[in-house]
């Protein structure tokens, strides 16, 4: 089995970062828009609440 490594110069990584930043349309220091559907949010909220409730019952 061989392992390959990606070696990139600092200037090349800077170019990749600048290209990614310009393609996303956001500027440095500004928050990036995060889109989530209501169903996904509710599912995540219920899951987190369940984990916290289980942890509270275990600790108690």
C-alpha atoms as a PDB file:
ATOM      1  CA  UNK A   1       0.000   0.000   0.000  1.00  0.00           C
ATOM      2  CA  UNK A   2       1.378   3.373  -0.925  1.00  0.00           C
ATOM      3  CA  UNK A   3       0.651   6.674   0.702  1.00  0.00           C
ATOM      4  CA  UNK A   4       0.662   9.823  -1.355  1.00  0.00           C
ATOM      5  CA  UNK A   5       1.093  13.267   0.104  1.00  0.00           C
ATOM      6  CA  UNK A   6      -0.145  16.519  -1.332  1.00  0.00           C
ATOM      7  CA  UNK A   7       2.614  19.064  -1.206  1.00  0.00           C
ATOM      8  CA  UNK A   8       1.717  22.623  -2.009  1.00  0.00           C
ATOM      9  CA  UNK A   9       3.718  25.816  -1.803  1.00  0.00           C
ATOM     10  CA  UNK A  10       2.545  28.634   0.461  1.00  0.00           C
ATOM     11  CA  UNK A  11       1.855  30.874  -2.524  1.00  0.00           C
ATOM     12  CA  UNK A  12      -0.224  28.149  -4.144  1.00  0.00           C
ATOM     13  CA  UNK A  13      -2.335  27.644  -1.028  1.00  0.00           C
ATOM     14  CA  UNK A  14      -2.867  31.402  -0.849  1.00  0.00           C
ATOM     15  CA  UNK A  15      -4.079  31.372  -4.453  1.00  0.00           C
ATOM     16  CA  UNK A  16      -6.452  28.513  -3.689  1.00  0.00           C
ATOM     17  CA  UNK A  17      -7.807  30.367  -0.656  1.00  0.00           C
ATOM     18  CA  UNK A  18      -8.265  33.602  -2.568  1.00  0.00           C
ATOM     19  CA  UNK A  19     -10.038  31.767  -5.383  1.00  0.00           C
ATOM     20  CA  UNK A  20     -12.373  30.072  -2.898  1.00  0.00           C
ATOM     21  CA  UNK A  21     -13.034  33.359  -1.135  1.00  0.00           C
ATOM     22  CA  UNK A  22     -13.804  35.188  -4.370  1.00  0.00           C
ATOM     23  CA  UNK A  23     -16.060  32.422  -5.646  1.00  0.00           C
ATOM     24  CA  UNK A  24     -18.150  32.394  -2.467  1.00  0.00           C
ATOM     25  CA  UNK A  25     -18.697  36.144  -2.776  1.00  0.00           C
ATOM     26  CA  UNK A  26     -17.945  36.886   0.860  1.00  0.00           C
ATOM     27  CA  UNK A  27     -15.274  39.167   2.187  1.00  0.00           C
ATOM     28  CA  UNK A  28     -12.884  38.527   5.019  1.00  0.00           C
ATOM     29  CA  UNK A  29     -14.483  39.221   8.380  1.00  0.00           C
ATOM     30  CA  UNK A  30     -18.060  39.007   7.134  1.00  0.00           C
ATOM     31  CA  UNK A  31     -20.211  36.065   8.204  1.00  0.00           C
ATOM     32  CA  UNK A  32     -20.961  33.405   5.623  1.00  0.00           C
ATOM     33  CA  UNK A  33     -24.660  32.785   4.973  1.00  0.00           C
ATOM     34  CA  UNK A  34     -25.833  29.481   6.381  1.00  0.00           C
ATOM     35  CA  UNK A  35     -29.019  28.049   4.953  1.00  0.00           C
ATOM     36  CA  UNK A  36     -30.915  25.292   6.753  1.00  0.00           C
ATOM     37  CA  UNK A  37     -34.455  24.081   6.217  1.00  0.00           C
ATOM     38  CA  UNK A  38     -37.025  24.203   9.006  1.00  0.00           C
ATOM     39  CA  UNK A  39     -37.360  20.420   9.057  1.00  0.00           C
ATOM     40  CA  UNK A  40     -33.625  19.916   9.424  1.00  0.00           C
ATOM     41  CA  UNK A  41     -33.436  22.517  12.171  1.00  0.00           C
ATOM     42  CA  UNK A  42     -36.309  20.891  14.079  1.00  0.00           C
ATOM     43  CA  UNK A  43     -34.740  17.437  13.762  1.00  0.00           C
ATOM     44  CA  UNK A  44     -31.386  18.709  15.044  1.00  0.00           C
ATOM     45  CA  UNK A  45     -33.108  20.592  17.879  1.00  0.00           C
ATOM     46  CA  UNK A  46     -35.010  17.487  19.009  1.00  0.00           C
ATOM     47  CA  UNK A  47     -31.868  15.338  18.816  1.00  0.00           C
ATOM     48  CA  UNK A  48     -29.836  17.796  20.894  1.00  0.00           C
ATOM     49  CA  UNK A  49     -32.672  18.139  23.428  1.00  0.00           C
ATOM     50  CA  UNK A  50     -32.870  14.345  23.720  1.00  0.00           C
ATOM     51  CA  UNK A  51     -29.134  14.043  24.324  1.00  0.00           C
ATOM     52  CA  UNK A  52     -29.254  16.745  26.993  1.00  0.00           C
ATOM     53  CA  UNK A  53     -32.270  15.133  28.670  1.00  0.00           C
ATOM     54  CA  UNK A  54     -30.535  11.740  28.706  1.00  0.00           C
ATOM     55  CA  UNK A  55     -27.389  13.300  30.139  1.00  0.00           C
ATOM     56  CA  UNK A  56     -29.446  15.030  32.859  1.00  0.00           C
ATOM     57  CA  UNK A  57     -31.103  11.727  33.783  1.00  0.00           C
ATOM     58  CA  UNK A  58     -27.765   9.907  33.908  1.00  0.00           C
ATOM     59  CA  UNK A  59     -26.114  12.571  36.054  1.00  0.00           C
ATOM     60  CA  UNK A  60     -29.055  12.679  38.411  1.00  0.00           C
END
